[in-house]
N, C-alpha and C. Protein backbone atom coordinates (compact mmCIF):
# COMPACT_ATOMS: atom_id res chain seq x y z
N MET A 1 6.06 -23.18 -36.27
CA MET A 1 6.31 -23.58 -34.89
C MET A 1 7.07 -22.49 -34.13
N ARG A 2 8.08 -21.89 -34.83
CA ARG A 2 8.83 -20.82 -34.17
C ARG A 2 7.93 -19.63 -33.87
N ILE A 3 7.01 -19.32 -34.76
CA ILE A 3 6.08 -18.21 -34.53
C ILE A 3 5.18 -18.52 -33.35
N PHE A 4 4.71 -19.76 -33.26
CA PHE A 4 3.84 -20.15 -32.14
C PHE A 4 4.58 -19.99 -30.82
N CYS A 5 5.85 -20.43 -30.77
CA CYS A 5 6.62 -20.34 -29.54
C CYS A 5 6.83 -18.89 -29.13
N LEU A 6 7.07 -18.04 -30.15
CA LEU A 6 7.27 -16.62 -29.85
C LEU A 6 6.00 -16.01 -29.27
N LEU A 7 4.87 -16.33 -29.86
CA LEU A 7 3.60 -15.80 -29.35
C LEU A 7 3.34 -16.31 -27.94
N LEU A 8 3.64 -17.57 -27.69
CA LEU A 8 3.44 -18.13 -26.35
C LEU A 8 4.30 -17.40 -25.34
N PHE A 9 5.54 -17.08 -25.73
CA PHE A 9 6.43 -16.35 -24.83
C PHE A 9 5.86 -15.00 -24.49
N ILE A 10 5.31 -14.29 -25.47
CA ILE A 10 4.74 -12.97 -25.24
C ILE A 10 3.56 -13.05 -24.31
N VAL A 11 2.73 -14.07 -24.46
CA VAL A 11 1.52 -14.21 -23.64
C VAL A 11 1.86 -14.49 -22.20
N VAL A 12 2.83 -15.37 -21.95
CA VAL A 12 3.08 -15.81 -20.59
C VAL A 12 4.11 -14.96 -19.86
N THR A 13 4.84 -14.10 -20.60
CA THR A 13 5.81 -13.25 -19.92
C THR A 13 5.09 -12.30 -18.98
N PRO A 14 5.46 -12.21 -17.72
CA PRO A 14 4.76 -11.36 -16.76
C PRO A 14 4.91 -9.89 -17.10
N ALA A 15 3.96 -9.08 -16.58
CA ALA A 15 4.00 -7.63 -16.81
C ALA A 15 5.28 -7.06 -16.23
N ALA A 16 5.67 -5.92 -16.76
CA ALA A 16 6.90 -5.27 -16.31
C ALA A 16 6.86 -5.03 -14.81
N SER A 17 7.97 -5.26 -14.17
CA SER A 17 8.07 -4.99 -12.74
C SER A 17 9.43 -4.40 -12.46
N ILE A 18 9.57 -3.77 -11.33
CA ILE A 18 10.84 -3.18 -10.97
C ILE A 18 11.91 -4.25 -10.84
N SER A 19 11.55 -5.35 -10.17
CA SER A 19 12.55 -6.36 -9.86
C SER A 19 13.04 -7.10 -11.09
N ALA A 20 12.34 -6.97 -12.22
CA ALA A 20 12.76 -7.66 -13.43
C ALA A 20 14.12 -7.16 -13.92
N THR A 21 14.34 -5.86 -13.81
CA THR A 21 15.60 -5.29 -14.28
C THR A 21 16.10 -4.23 -13.31
N PRO A 22 16.45 -4.63 -12.09
CA PRO A 22 16.91 -3.63 -11.12
C PRO A 22 18.18 -2.95 -11.59
N ALA A 23 18.23 -1.62 -11.45
CA ALA A 23 19.41 -0.89 -11.87
C ALA A 23 20.59 -1.24 -10.98
N ASN A 24 20.35 -1.39 -9.71
CA ASN A 24 21.40 -1.70 -8.76
C ASN A 24 20.71 -2.15 -7.48
N SER A 25 20.99 -3.37 -7.05
CA SER A 25 20.27 -3.91 -5.89
C SER A 25 20.52 -3.10 -4.63
N GLY A 26 21.61 -2.31 -4.61
CA GLY A 26 21.89 -1.48 -3.45
C GLY A 26 21.36 -0.08 -3.59
N ASP A 27 20.74 0.23 -4.71
CA ASP A 27 20.25 1.58 -4.98
C ASP A 27 18.76 1.49 -5.34
N TRP A 28 17.99 0.94 -4.44
CA TRP A 28 16.59 0.65 -4.75
C TRP A 28 15.78 1.92 -4.98
N ARG A 29 16.14 3.03 -4.37
CA ARG A 29 15.37 4.25 -4.56
C ARG A 29 15.47 4.74 -6.00
N THR A 30 16.66 4.68 -6.56
CA THR A 30 16.81 5.07 -7.96
C THR A 30 16.00 4.15 -8.86
N THR A 31 16.00 2.86 -8.55
CA THR A 31 15.24 1.89 -9.33
C THR A 31 13.75 2.19 -9.27
N VAL A 32 13.25 2.45 -8.08
CA VAL A 32 11.83 2.75 -7.89
C VAL A 32 11.47 4.06 -8.60
N ARG A 33 12.30 5.08 -8.41
CA ARG A 33 12.03 6.39 -9.02
C ARG A 33 12.04 6.28 -10.55
N ASP A 34 13.01 5.57 -11.09
CA ASP A 34 13.09 5.43 -12.55
C ASP A 34 11.90 4.65 -13.10
N PHE A 35 11.46 3.64 -12.35
CA PHE A 35 10.30 2.87 -12.77
C PHE A 35 9.05 3.75 -12.82
N ALA A 36 8.85 4.53 -11.77
CA ALA A 36 7.68 5.42 -11.73
C ALA A 36 7.73 6.44 -12.86
N ALA A 37 8.90 7.00 -13.10
CA ALA A 37 9.03 8.00 -14.16
C ALA A 37 8.76 7.39 -15.53
N ALA A 38 9.12 6.14 -15.72
CA ALA A 38 8.95 5.48 -17.01
C ALA A 38 7.52 5.02 -17.27
N HIS A 39 6.77 4.70 -16.22
CA HIS A 39 5.48 4.04 -16.41
C HIS A 39 4.26 4.84 -15.95
N PHE A 40 4.42 5.80 -15.08
CA PHE A 40 3.27 6.50 -14.51
C PHE A 40 3.06 7.82 -15.23
N HIS A 41 2.30 7.79 -16.32
CA HIS A 41 2.06 8.97 -17.15
C HIS A 41 0.59 9.35 -17.10
N ASN A 42 0.28 10.36 -16.33
CA ASN A 42 -1.08 10.85 -16.22
C ASN A 42 -1.01 12.24 -15.60
N PRO A 43 -1.79 13.22 -16.11
CA PRO A 43 -1.69 14.58 -15.56
C PRO A 43 -2.21 14.72 -14.14
N ALA A 44 -3.00 13.77 -13.67
CA ALA A 44 -3.57 13.87 -12.33
C ALA A 44 -2.86 12.98 -11.31
N TRP A 45 -2.45 11.79 -11.71
CA TRP A 45 -1.84 10.89 -10.74
C TRP A 45 -0.61 10.19 -11.32
N GLY A 46 0.21 10.95 -12.04
CA GLY A 46 1.42 10.40 -12.61
C GLY A 46 2.64 10.62 -11.73
N TYR A 47 3.81 10.57 -12.36
CA TYR A 47 5.08 10.62 -11.64
C TYR A 47 5.24 11.91 -10.84
N SER A 48 4.87 13.04 -11.41
CA SER A 48 5.04 14.31 -10.68
C SER A 48 4.20 14.33 -9.41
N HIS A 49 3.04 13.68 -9.44
CA HIS A 49 2.21 13.58 -8.24
C HIS A 49 2.93 12.77 -7.16
N CYS A 50 3.61 11.71 -7.56
CA CYS A 50 4.40 10.92 -6.60
C CYS A 50 5.47 11.79 -5.96
N GLU A 51 6.17 12.57 -6.78
CA GLU A 51 7.21 13.45 -6.26
C GLU A 51 6.65 14.43 -5.24
N ARG A 52 5.52 15.03 -5.56
CA ARG A 52 4.92 16.02 -4.64
C ARG A 52 4.47 15.36 -3.35
N ASP A 53 3.85 14.19 -3.46
CA ASP A 53 3.38 13.51 -2.25
C ASP A 53 4.54 13.19 -1.31
N TYR A 54 5.62 12.71 -1.86
CA TYR A 54 6.78 12.37 -1.03
C TYR A 54 7.34 13.61 -0.34
N ALA A 55 7.55 14.66 -1.12
CA ALA A 55 8.13 15.89 -0.56
C ALA A 55 7.21 16.53 0.47
N LEU A 56 5.92 16.59 0.18
CA LEU A 56 4.99 17.24 1.10
C LEU A 56 4.80 16.42 2.37
N ALA A 57 4.76 15.12 2.25
CA ALA A 57 4.64 14.27 3.45
C ALA A 57 5.82 14.52 4.39
N ARG A 58 7.00 14.64 3.84
CA ARG A 58 8.19 14.91 4.66
C ARG A 58 8.08 16.29 5.32
N GLU A 59 7.62 17.28 4.56
CA GLU A 59 7.47 18.63 5.11
C GLU A 59 6.48 18.65 6.27
N LEU A 60 5.34 17.99 6.08
CA LEU A 60 4.31 17.98 7.12
C LEU A 60 4.81 17.29 8.39
N ALA A 61 5.47 16.15 8.22
CA ALA A 61 5.98 15.42 9.38
C ALA A 61 7.04 16.25 10.11
N ALA A 62 7.90 16.92 9.36
CA ALA A 62 8.93 17.76 9.99
C ALA A 62 8.29 18.90 10.77
N ALA A 63 7.24 19.49 10.21
CA ALA A 63 6.55 20.59 10.90
C ALA A 63 5.91 20.11 12.19
N ASP A 64 5.46 18.86 12.22
CA ASP A 64 4.85 18.29 13.42
C ASP A 64 5.88 17.62 14.33
N HIS A 65 7.14 17.67 13.95
CA HIS A 65 8.23 17.05 14.72
C HIS A 65 7.99 15.55 14.89
N VAL A 66 7.54 14.93 13.79
CA VAL A 66 7.30 13.49 13.78
C VAL A 66 8.37 12.83 12.91
N LYS A 67 9.04 11.81 13.43
CA LYS A 67 10.07 11.09 12.69
C LYS A 67 9.41 9.96 11.89
N LEU A 68 9.69 9.92 10.62
CA LEU A 68 9.15 8.89 9.74
C LEU A 68 10.23 7.91 9.34
N ASP A 69 9.79 6.70 8.99
CA ASP A 69 10.69 5.75 8.35
C ASP A 69 10.71 6.13 6.88
N ASP A 70 11.81 6.72 6.42
CA ASP A 70 11.84 7.27 5.07
C ASP A 70 11.85 6.18 4.01
N ASP A 71 12.32 4.98 4.34
CA ASP A 71 12.23 3.87 3.39
C ASP A 71 10.77 3.56 3.08
N VAL A 72 9.97 3.49 4.11
CA VAL A 72 8.55 3.18 3.95
C VAL A 72 7.85 4.30 3.19
N LEU A 73 8.10 5.53 3.58
CA LEU A 73 7.44 6.66 2.92
C LEU A 73 7.83 6.75 1.45
N PHE A 74 9.10 6.61 1.15
CA PHE A 74 9.56 6.73 -0.24
C PHE A 74 8.90 5.67 -1.12
N ALA A 75 8.96 4.42 -0.70
CA ALA A 75 8.38 3.34 -1.49
C ALA A 75 6.88 3.52 -1.67
N ALA A 76 6.19 3.89 -0.60
CA ALA A 76 4.74 4.06 -0.67
C ALA A 76 4.37 5.26 -1.54
N ALA A 77 5.10 6.35 -1.41
CA ALA A 77 4.77 7.56 -2.17
C ALA A 77 4.95 7.35 -3.66
N TYR A 78 6.00 6.67 -4.06
CA TYR A 78 6.27 6.50 -5.48
C TYR A 78 5.48 5.36 -6.12
N LEU A 79 4.93 4.45 -5.31
CA LEU A 79 4.22 3.30 -5.87
C LEU A 79 2.75 3.25 -5.49
N HIS A 80 2.23 4.26 -4.79
CA HIS A 80 0.87 4.17 -4.26
C HIS A 80 -0.20 4.13 -5.35
N ASP A 81 0.09 4.68 -6.52
CA ASP A 81 -0.91 4.70 -7.60
C ASP A 81 -0.59 3.73 -8.73
N LEU A 82 0.27 2.76 -8.48
CA LEU A 82 0.68 1.87 -9.57
C LEU A 82 -0.50 1.13 -10.19
N ALA A 83 -1.52 0.83 -9.40
CA ALA A 83 -2.68 0.10 -9.93
C ALA A 83 -3.67 1.01 -10.65
N ALA A 84 -3.31 2.28 -10.81
CA ALA A 84 -4.10 3.18 -11.64
C ALA A 84 -3.65 3.11 -13.09
N PHE A 85 -2.64 2.27 -13.36
CA PHE A 85 -2.07 2.17 -14.70
C PHE A 85 -2.11 0.74 -15.21
N LYS A 86 -2.31 0.60 -16.49
CA LYS A 86 -2.19 -0.71 -17.13
C LYS A 86 -0.71 -1.07 -17.18
N PRO A 87 -0.36 -2.34 -17.02
CA PRO A 87 -1.23 -3.52 -16.92
C PRO A 87 -1.54 -3.94 -15.50
N TRP A 88 -1.34 -3.03 -14.54
CA TRP A 88 -1.48 -3.43 -13.14
C TRP A 88 -2.84 -3.12 -12.54
N GLU A 89 -3.67 -2.39 -13.24
CA GLU A 89 -4.98 -2.02 -12.70
C GLU A 89 -5.94 -3.20 -12.74
N ASN A 90 -6.92 -3.14 -11.85
CA ASN A 90 -8.04 -4.08 -11.84
C ASN A 90 -9.29 -3.24 -11.68
N GLU A 91 -10.03 -3.06 -12.76
CA GLU A 91 -11.16 -2.13 -12.75
C GLU A 91 -12.27 -2.53 -11.77
N LYS A 92 -12.25 -3.77 -11.29
CA LYS A 92 -13.27 -4.23 -10.36
C LYS A 92 -12.91 -3.92 -8.90
N LEU A 93 -11.68 -3.50 -8.66
CA LEU A 93 -11.21 -3.28 -7.30
C LEU A 93 -10.62 -1.88 -7.16
N ASP A 94 -10.60 -1.39 -5.94
CA ASP A 94 -10.01 -0.08 -5.66
C ASP A 94 -8.51 -0.12 -5.93
N HIS A 95 -8.01 0.92 -6.58
CA HIS A 95 -6.60 0.92 -6.97
C HIS A 95 -5.67 0.88 -5.76
N ALA A 96 -6.09 1.45 -4.64
CA ALA A 96 -5.25 1.45 -3.45
C ALA A 96 -5.07 0.03 -2.91
N ASP A 97 -6.14 -0.75 -2.93
CA ASP A 97 -6.06 -2.12 -2.44
C ASP A 97 -5.23 -3.00 -3.37
N VAL A 98 -5.41 -2.81 -4.67
CA VAL A 98 -4.64 -3.59 -5.63
C VAL A 98 -3.16 -3.27 -5.51
N ALA A 99 -2.83 -2.00 -5.41
CA ALA A 99 -1.43 -1.60 -5.27
C ALA A 99 -0.83 -2.16 -3.99
N ALA A 100 -1.58 -2.08 -2.90
CA ALA A 100 -1.08 -2.59 -1.62
C ALA A 100 -0.81 -4.10 -1.69
N ASP A 101 -1.68 -4.82 -2.39
CA ASP A 101 -1.54 -6.26 -2.49
C ASP A 101 -0.40 -6.68 -3.41
N ARG A 102 -0.04 -5.80 -4.35
CA ARG A 102 0.96 -6.19 -5.35
C ARG A 102 2.32 -5.51 -5.18
N VAL A 103 2.43 -4.57 -4.27
CA VAL A 103 3.66 -3.77 -4.21
C VAL A 103 4.90 -4.61 -3.93
N HIS A 104 4.74 -5.73 -3.23
CA HIS A 104 5.92 -6.56 -2.95
C HIS A 104 6.55 -7.08 -4.22
N GLU A 105 5.72 -7.30 -5.27
CA GLU A 105 6.25 -7.78 -6.54
C GLU A 105 7.22 -6.78 -7.15
N PHE A 106 7.00 -5.52 -6.88
CA PHE A 106 7.78 -4.46 -7.49
C PHE A 106 9.03 -4.10 -6.68
N LEU A 107 9.05 -4.50 -5.41
CA LEU A 107 10.18 -4.15 -4.56
C LEU A 107 11.17 -5.30 -4.35
N GLN A 108 10.71 -6.52 -4.55
CA GLN A 108 11.59 -7.66 -4.39
C GLN A 108 12.75 -7.57 -5.39
N GLY A 109 13.93 -7.80 -4.90
CA GLY A 109 15.09 -7.82 -5.77
C GLY A 109 15.69 -6.45 -6.06
N THR A 110 15.12 -5.40 -5.48
CA THR A 110 15.65 -4.06 -5.73
C THR A 110 16.64 -3.60 -4.67
N GLY A 111 16.69 -4.33 -3.57
CA GLY A 111 17.50 -3.90 -2.43
C GLY A 111 16.67 -3.25 -1.34
N PHE A 112 15.36 -3.11 -1.57
CA PHE A 112 14.49 -2.56 -0.53
C PHE A 112 14.47 -3.51 0.66
N PRO A 113 14.51 -2.98 1.89
CA PRO A 113 14.45 -3.85 3.08
C PRO A 113 13.06 -4.46 3.25
N MET A 114 12.89 -5.68 2.78
CA MET A 114 11.57 -6.29 2.68
C MET A 114 10.90 -6.51 4.03
N GLN A 115 11.63 -6.41 5.13
CA GLN A 115 10.99 -6.53 6.44
C GLN A 115 10.04 -5.36 6.69
N LYS A 116 10.12 -4.33 5.87
CA LYS A 116 9.26 -3.15 6.01
C LYS A 116 8.08 -3.16 5.05
N ILE A 117 7.89 -4.25 4.32
CA ILE A 117 6.88 -4.27 3.26
C ILE A 117 5.47 -4.11 3.81
N ASP A 118 5.17 -4.64 4.99
CA ASP A 118 3.82 -4.50 5.54
C ASP A 118 3.50 -3.04 5.84
N ALA A 119 4.48 -2.28 6.28
CA ALA A 119 4.26 -0.85 6.54
C ALA A 119 4.02 -0.10 5.24
N VAL A 120 4.69 -0.51 4.16
CA VAL A 120 4.45 0.10 2.85
C VAL A 120 3.04 -0.23 2.38
N ARG A 121 2.65 -1.48 2.53
CA ARG A 121 1.28 -1.88 2.14
C ARG A 121 0.24 -1.04 2.88
N ALA A 122 0.43 -0.87 4.18
CA ALA A 122 -0.54 -0.14 4.99
C ALA A 122 -0.65 1.31 4.53
N ALA A 123 0.47 1.93 4.23
CA ALA A 123 0.46 3.33 3.79
C ALA A 123 -0.22 3.47 2.43
N ILE A 124 0.05 2.54 1.54
CA ILE A 124 -0.59 2.59 0.21
C ILE A 124 -2.08 2.37 0.33
N ARG A 125 -2.49 1.42 1.15
CA ARG A 125 -3.91 1.06 1.25
C ARG A 125 -4.76 2.22 1.76
N THR A 126 -4.18 3.10 2.57
CA THR A 126 -4.97 4.18 3.17
C THR A 126 -4.58 5.56 2.65
N HIS A 127 -3.96 5.61 1.46
CA HIS A 127 -3.48 6.92 1.01
C HIS A 127 -4.60 7.85 0.56
N MET A 128 -5.75 7.33 0.18
CA MET A 128 -6.84 8.20 -0.28
C MET A 128 -7.50 8.92 0.90
N TYR A 129 -8.05 10.10 0.63
CA TYR A 129 -8.56 10.96 1.70
C TYR A 129 -9.71 10.35 2.48
N ASP A 130 -10.45 9.43 1.87
CA ASP A 130 -11.61 8.86 2.54
C ASP A 130 -11.26 7.64 3.38
N ARG A 131 -9.98 7.33 3.52
CA ARG A 131 -9.57 6.19 4.32
C ARG A 131 -8.86 6.66 5.59
N ASP A 132 -8.70 5.75 6.53
CA ASP A 132 -8.17 6.10 7.85
C ASP A 132 -6.78 5.51 8.04
N PRO A 133 -5.74 6.34 7.98
CA PRO A 133 -4.37 5.85 8.14
C PRO A 133 -4.05 5.49 9.58
N GLY A 134 -3.07 4.58 9.73
CA GLY A 134 -2.68 4.16 11.06
C GLY A 134 -1.32 4.68 11.46
N SER A 135 -0.29 4.23 10.78
CA SER A 135 1.08 4.59 11.13
C SER A 135 1.40 6.03 10.75
N PRO A 136 2.49 6.58 11.30
CA PRO A 136 2.89 7.94 10.91
C PRO A 136 3.14 8.07 9.40
N GLU A 137 3.78 7.08 8.81
CA GLU A 137 4.04 7.14 7.37
C GLU A 137 2.74 7.15 6.59
N ALA A 138 1.79 6.35 7.02
CA ALA A 138 0.49 6.31 6.35
C ALA A 138 -0.24 7.64 6.52
N LEU A 139 -0.17 8.22 7.71
CA LEU A 139 -0.86 9.49 7.97
C LEU A 139 -0.34 10.61 7.08
N TYR A 140 0.97 10.75 7.00
CA TYR A 140 1.50 11.89 6.25
C TYR A 140 1.43 11.69 4.74
N LEU A 141 1.47 10.45 4.28
CA LEU A 141 1.20 10.21 2.86
C LEU A 141 -0.26 10.51 2.55
N HIS A 142 -1.15 10.08 3.42
CA HIS A 142 -2.58 10.34 3.28
C HIS A 142 -2.86 11.83 3.19
N ASP A 143 -2.27 12.61 4.08
CA ASP A 143 -2.53 14.05 4.10
C ASP A 143 -1.90 14.76 2.91
N ALA A 144 -0.70 14.34 2.53
CA ALA A 144 -0.06 14.94 1.35
C ALA A 144 -0.89 14.66 0.10
N ASP A 145 -1.39 13.44 0.00
CA ASP A 145 -2.21 13.07 -1.15
C ASP A 145 -3.51 13.86 -1.17
N ALA A 146 -4.10 14.06 -0.01
CA ALA A 146 -5.34 14.84 0.08
C ALA A 146 -5.11 16.29 -0.31
N LEU A 147 -4.06 16.89 0.21
CA LEU A 147 -3.77 18.30 -0.10
C LEU A 147 -3.49 18.50 -1.58
N ASP A 148 -3.00 17.47 -2.24
CA ASP A 148 -2.69 17.59 -3.67
C ASP A 148 -3.95 17.64 -4.52
N TRP A 149 -5.12 17.38 -3.91
CA TRP A 149 -6.40 17.54 -4.61
C TRP A 149 -6.95 18.95 -4.45
N LEU A 150 -6.30 19.78 -3.63
CA LEU A 150 -6.80 21.12 -3.36
C LEU A 150 -5.86 22.17 -3.96
N GLY A 151 -6.24 23.44 -3.84
CA GLY A 151 -5.39 24.53 -4.29
C GLY A 151 -5.20 24.56 -5.78
N ALA A 152 -4.20 25.33 -6.23
CA ALA A 152 -3.93 25.47 -7.65
C ALA A 152 -3.54 24.14 -8.27
N ILE A 153 -2.77 23.33 -7.54
CA ILE A 153 -2.36 22.05 -8.10
C ILE A 153 -3.56 21.12 -8.25
N GLY A 154 -4.51 21.20 -7.34
CA GLY A 154 -5.72 20.38 -7.48
C GLY A 154 -6.48 20.74 -8.74
N VAL A 155 -6.55 22.03 -9.06
CA VAL A 155 -7.20 22.48 -10.29
C VAL A 155 -6.44 21.96 -11.50
N ALA A 156 -5.12 22.12 -11.49
CA ALA A 156 -4.31 21.70 -12.63
C ALA A 156 -4.45 20.20 -12.89
N ARG A 157 -4.51 19.42 -11.83
CA ARG A 157 -4.61 17.96 -12.00
C ARG A 157 -5.92 17.58 -12.67
N ILE A 158 -7.01 18.16 -12.20
CA ILE A 158 -8.32 17.78 -12.74
C ILE A 158 -8.52 18.33 -14.15
N ILE A 159 -8.15 19.58 -14.38
CA ILE A 159 -8.29 20.16 -15.71
C ILE A 159 -7.44 19.40 -16.72
N GLY A 160 -6.33 18.86 -16.26
CA GLY A 160 -5.46 18.09 -17.15
C GLY A 160 -6.11 16.84 -17.68
N LEU A 161 -7.20 16.39 -17.06
CA LEU A 161 -7.89 15.19 -17.52
C LEU A 161 -8.81 15.45 -18.71
N VAL A 162 -9.10 16.72 -19.01
CA VAL A 162 -10.02 17.05 -20.10
C VAL A 162 -9.46 16.55 -21.42
N ASP A 163 -10.30 15.89 -22.22
CA ASP A 163 -9.90 15.40 -23.53
C ASP A 163 -9.86 16.56 -24.52
N ALA A 164 -8.68 16.87 -25.02
CA ALA A 164 -8.52 18.01 -25.93
C ALA A 164 -9.21 17.81 -27.26
N ASN A 165 -9.58 16.58 -27.57
CA ASN A 165 -10.24 16.27 -28.85
C ASN A 165 -11.76 16.20 -28.74
N GLY A 166 -12.28 16.62 -27.61
CA GLY A 166 -13.73 16.65 -27.44
C GLY A 166 -14.35 15.38 -26.89
N GLY A 167 -13.51 14.42 -26.51
CA GLY A 167 -14.04 13.20 -25.92
C GLY A 167 -14.32 13.38 -24.44
N LYS A 168 -14.42 12.28 -23.73
CA LYS A 168 -14.70 12.30 -22.30
C LYS A 168 -13.41 12.27 -21.49
N PRO A 169 -13.31 13.05 -20.42
CA PRO A 169 -14.31 14.02 -19.97
C PRO A 169 -14.13 15.37 -20.66
N THR A 170 -15.23 16.09 -20.81
CA THR A 170 -15.20 17.44 -21.34
C THR A 170 -14.89 18.42 -20.21
N GLY A 171 -14.67 19.68 -20.58
CA GLY A 171 -14.40 20.70 -19.57
C GLY A 171 -15.50 20.79 -18.52
N PRO A 172 -16.74 20.94 -18.93
CA PRO A 172 -17.81 21.03 -17.91
C PRO A 172 -17.93 19.78 -17.05
N GLU A 173 -17.56 18.63 -17.60
CA GLU A 173 -17.73 17.38 -16.86
C GLU A 173 -16.72 17.22 -15.72
N VAL A 174 -15.60 17.91 -15.78
CA VAL A 174 -14.63 17.76 -14.68
C VAL A 174 -14.88 18.73 -13.54
N ILE A 175 -15.72 19.74 -13.76
CA ILE A 175 -15.98 20.71 -12.69
C ILE A 175 -16.62 20.06 -11.46
N PRO A 176 -17.57 19.15 -11.62
CA PRO A 176 -18.11 18.47 -10.43
C PRO A 176 -17.04 17.72 -9.64
N MET A 177 -16.00 17.28 -10.31
CA MET A 177 -14.91 16.61 -9.60
C MET A 177 -14.19 17.59 -8.68
N LEU A 178 -13.96 18.80 -9.18
CA LEU A 178 -13.34 19.84 -8.36
C LEU A 178 -14.25 20.22 -7.20
N GLU A 179 -15.54 20.34 -7.47
CA GLU A 179 -16.50 20.71 -6.43
C GLU A 179 -16.58 19.62 -5.36
N GLU A 180 -16.50 18.37 -5.77
CA GLU A 180 -16.52 17.27 -4.80
C GLU A 180 -15.27 17.30 -3.93
N ASN A 181 -14.13 17.57 -4.54
CA ASN A 181 -12.90 17.67 -3.75
C ASN A 181 -13.00 18.79 -2.73
N LEU A 182 -13.54 19.93 -3.15
CA LEU A 182 -13.69 21.06 -2.23
C LEU A 182 -14.62 20.71 -1.07
N ALA A 183 -15.65 19.95 -1.34
CA ALA A 183 -16.63 19.62 -0.31
C ALA A 183 -16.13 18.53 0.65
N LYS A 184 -15.36 17.58 0.14
CA LYS A 184 -15.04 16.40 0.93
C LYS A 184 -13.62 16.34 1.48
N VAL A 185 -12.67 16.86 0.75
CA VAL A 185 -11.27 16.64 1.12
C VAL A 185 -10.82 17.42 2.36
N PRO A 186 -11.13 18.71 2.49
CA PRO A 186 -10.57 19.48 3.61
C PRO A 186 -10.77 18.85 4.99
N LYS A 187 -11.93 18.32 5.26
CA LYS A 187 -12.19 17.76 6.58
C LYS A 187 -11.50 16.42 6.81
N ARG A 188 -10.91 15.87 5.74
CA ARG A 188 -10.24 14.58 5.86
C ARG A 188 -8.72 14.72 5.97
N VAL A 189 -8.22 15.93 6.04
CA VAL A 189 -6.80 16.15 6.32
C VAL A 189 -6.65 16.08 7.84
N LEU A 190 -5.81 15.20 8.34
CA LEU A 190 -5.87 14.81 9.74
C LEU A 190 -4.72 15.31 10.62
N SER A 191 -3.56 15.50 10.08
CA SER A 191 -2.41 15.90 10.90
C SER A 191 -2.46 17.39 11.21
N PRO A 192 -1.83 17.81 12.31
CA PRO A 192 -1.81 19.25 12.63
C PRO A 192 -1.21 20.10 11.51
N ALA A 193 -0.07 19.68 10.98
CA ALA A 193 0.57 20.45 9.91
C ALA A 193 -0.27 20.42 8.64
N GLY A 194 -0.90 19.29 8.38
CA GLY A 194 -1.76 19.20 7.21
C GLY A 194 -2.96 20.12 7.31
N ARG A 195 -3.59 20.14 8.48
CA ARG A 195 -4.75 21.01 8.68
C ARG A 195 -4.37 22.48 8.54
N ALA A 196 -3.14 22.81 8.93
CA ALA A 196 -2.68 24.19 8.81
C ALA A 196 -2.56 24.62 7.35
N ARG A 197 -2.38 23.66 6.46
CA ARG A 197 -2.26 23.97 5.03
C ARG A 197 -3.61 24.05 4.33
N VAL A 198 -4.63 23.54 4.97
CA VAL A 198 -5.94 23.44 4.30
C VAL A 198 -6.54 24.80 3.94
N PRO A 199 -6.61 25.78 4.84
CA PRO A 199 -7.35 27.01 4.52
C PRO A 199 -6.90 27.69 3.23
N LEU A 200 -5.61 27.80 3.01
CA LEU A 200 -5.12 28.47 1.80
C LEU A 200 -5.50 27.69 0.56
N ARG A 201 -5.28 26.38 0.58
CA ARG A 201 -5.60 25.58 -0.60
C ARG A 201 -7.11 25.51 -0.83
N GLU A 202 -7.86 25.45 0.24
CA GLU A 202 -9.31 25.45 0.13
C GLU A 202 -9.78 26.75 -0.50
N HIS A 203 -9.21 27.86 -0.06
CA HIS A 203 -9.57 29.17 -0.60
C HIS A 203 -9.22 29.27 -2.09
N GLU A 204 -8.05 28.80 -2.46
CA GLU A 204 -7.62 28.86 -3.86
C GLU A 204 -8.58 28.11 -4.76
N LEU A 205 -8.98 26.93 -4.33
CA LEU A 205 -9.90 26.12 -5.14
C LEU A 205 -11.28 26.76 -5.19
N ALA A 206 -11.77 27.26 -4.06
CA ALA A 206 -13.08 27.90 -4.02
C ALA A 206 -13.12 29.14 -4.91
N GLU A 207 -12.07 29.95 -4.87
CA GLU A 207 -12.02 31.16 -5.70
C GLU A 207 -11.95 30.82 -7.17
N PHE A 208 -11.22 29.78 -7.52
CA PHE A 208 -11.16 29.37 -8.92
C PHE A 208 -12.55 28.99 -9.43
N LEU A 209 -13.25 28.18 -8.67
CA LEU A 209 -14.59 27.75 -9.10
C LEU A 209 -15.54 28.93 -9.19
N LYS A 210 -15.44 29.84 -8.24
CA LYS A 210 -16.29 31.03 -8.25
C LYS A 210 -16.03 31.87 -9.50
N GLU A 211 -14.76 32.14 -9.80
CA GLU A 211 -14.43 32.96 -10.96
C GLU A 211 -14.73 32.24 -12.26
N LEU A 212 -14.53 30.95 -12.30
CA LEU A 212 -14.85 30.19 -13.51
C LEU A 212 -16.32 30.29 -13.84
N ARG A 213 -17.16 30.14 -12.85
CA ARG A 213 -18.60 30.26 -13.10
C ARG A 213 -18.97 31.67 -13.54
N ARG A 214 -18.33 32.69 -12.96
CA ARG A 214 -18.62 34.06 -13.33
C ARG A 214 -18.23 34.35 -14.76
N GLU A 215 -17.09 33.81 -15.19
CA GLU A 215 -16.55 34.12 -16.50
C GLU A 215 -17.13 33.24 -17.61
N THR A 216 -17.91 32.22 -17.26
CA THR A 216 -18.46 31.33 -18.27
C THR A 216 -19.98 31.22 -18.18
N GLN A 217 -20.61 32.26 -17.63
CA GLN A 217 -22.07 32.27 -17.50
C GLN A 217 -22.53 30.98 -16.80
N ASP A 218 -21.95 30.77 -15.64
CA ASP A 218 -22.26 29.58 -14.83
C ASP A 218 -22.02 28.29 -15.61
N LEU A 219 -20.88 28.26 -16.28
CA LEU A 219 -20.37 27.11 -17.03
C LEU A 219 -21.05 26.89 -18.38
N ARG A 220 -21.99 27.74 -18.75
CA ARG A 220 -22.70 27.53 -20.02
C ARG A 220 -21.80 27.76 -21.22
N THR A 221 -20.77 28.58 -21.08
CA THR A 221 -19.88 28.84 -22.21
C THR A 221 -18.50 28.21 -22.00
N LEU A 222 -18.42 27.26 -21.10
CA LEU A 222 -17.15 26.58 -20.86
C LEU A 222 -16.91 25.54 -21.94
């Protein structure tokens, strides 16, 4: 009976959330950052990607002389990809929509000003390059996220997905992902400061693909 009760507890206990064990209700940023660092492990869209998106979004907005609500940007930047990870993902739905719909669960009880939750949802829902952001926070998160698919960091993120043991994806299989980013992402960077960053990153990615094909007999020896 005791074993049955223990198993039942494990089954019905909800998935880990930030609000389950807040470090300090008045220090919600530390709680959010620590949660992301502990749970978001992926070479392409893990914790370091969250850090870059937040920092770059702030840089772009400052360059355009646009004032952002930093509470909204911080929460959205660090939690925008939460549904790309188990146990929060839903393979039948887009990760941006799932994250937007569930982000309140992760911010409640942390000290985050919940009157701003709709703005966080909006920024998360439109963070991918193929979506159309509305608010300033959504725009600069969107552009930072798009730029992170380009340049040297864009190469590093995608190459990091290669299975070192020969499984999926292989080296040649990730190259079309880089080529798709080069073809689609640049025109979807929307802010003035973001567009100013595109040419260099676009060039870096294009040159990498060009040299890779040259050095691998058009990928035959990759």
